[in-house]
C-alpha cells in the first residue's frame, strides 16, 4: 500500500484523524514551502526539502484509503485540508467533503465544509464487504433489498428482482432524504 512520507508505514484511521486536526502550520508557511494550483488541486514543491523532494516535484503520495497525503515540515497532512488552508488562510472548522467523491481530486471547487453526517450522506461507493456491488443494496431471501439510513435509523425501501432495480430505488430515496448528496 501507498505510504505518507515520514510515517514509517501506512496511516491508520487514528492517524488520519490526528492529521485532520489543526497544527502550528500556517497558510504563510505552507505557501512558502508549496505551490497549489486550485484548477488541478495539485501541490508542487517550492523549495528542496530533502534529496527526494526537489523543486517542482508533485508533493505527496496516495494513501491506501484513497486520500492524497503530503509531508510538510516532517509531518503528514491530508492534501484537501492543506488546499483549504492554502486558499482560505485558515484550517477548515468542519470535515471536508469531496463533492465528486474522488478523494484525490483536491481542486478547491470540489471541496466543501460539512458535518460528519453530511459527509456520510455523500457516500458514493458500497463498503468493501458489500457483496451486491451496489450502495444501499444487499441480498435477502433470493431478492435484492434496498435499505437507507435516515437520521441514524435504517429504513427498508423494498425488495426487488435485480440489484440494479434496488439500487435505483435506493438512489431515489437518497436524493430525497440526503440533502448533502451530490449523486
Foldseek 3Di string as FASTA:
>chain_A
DDDWPLPPDADDPVLQVVQLDDDPDWLVLLVCAWDADLVQLWIAGCPADDPVHHGGHTAFDAGPVQFTWGADPSGIHGSLQSLCCNVVGDGDPADWAQQVQRRHRNRVVRIDGDHPLLNVLQDAWDDPPAPQRAPQWHDDPQWIWGWDAAPNDIDTQDTHNHNVVSRVSNVVVSVVGNVSHND
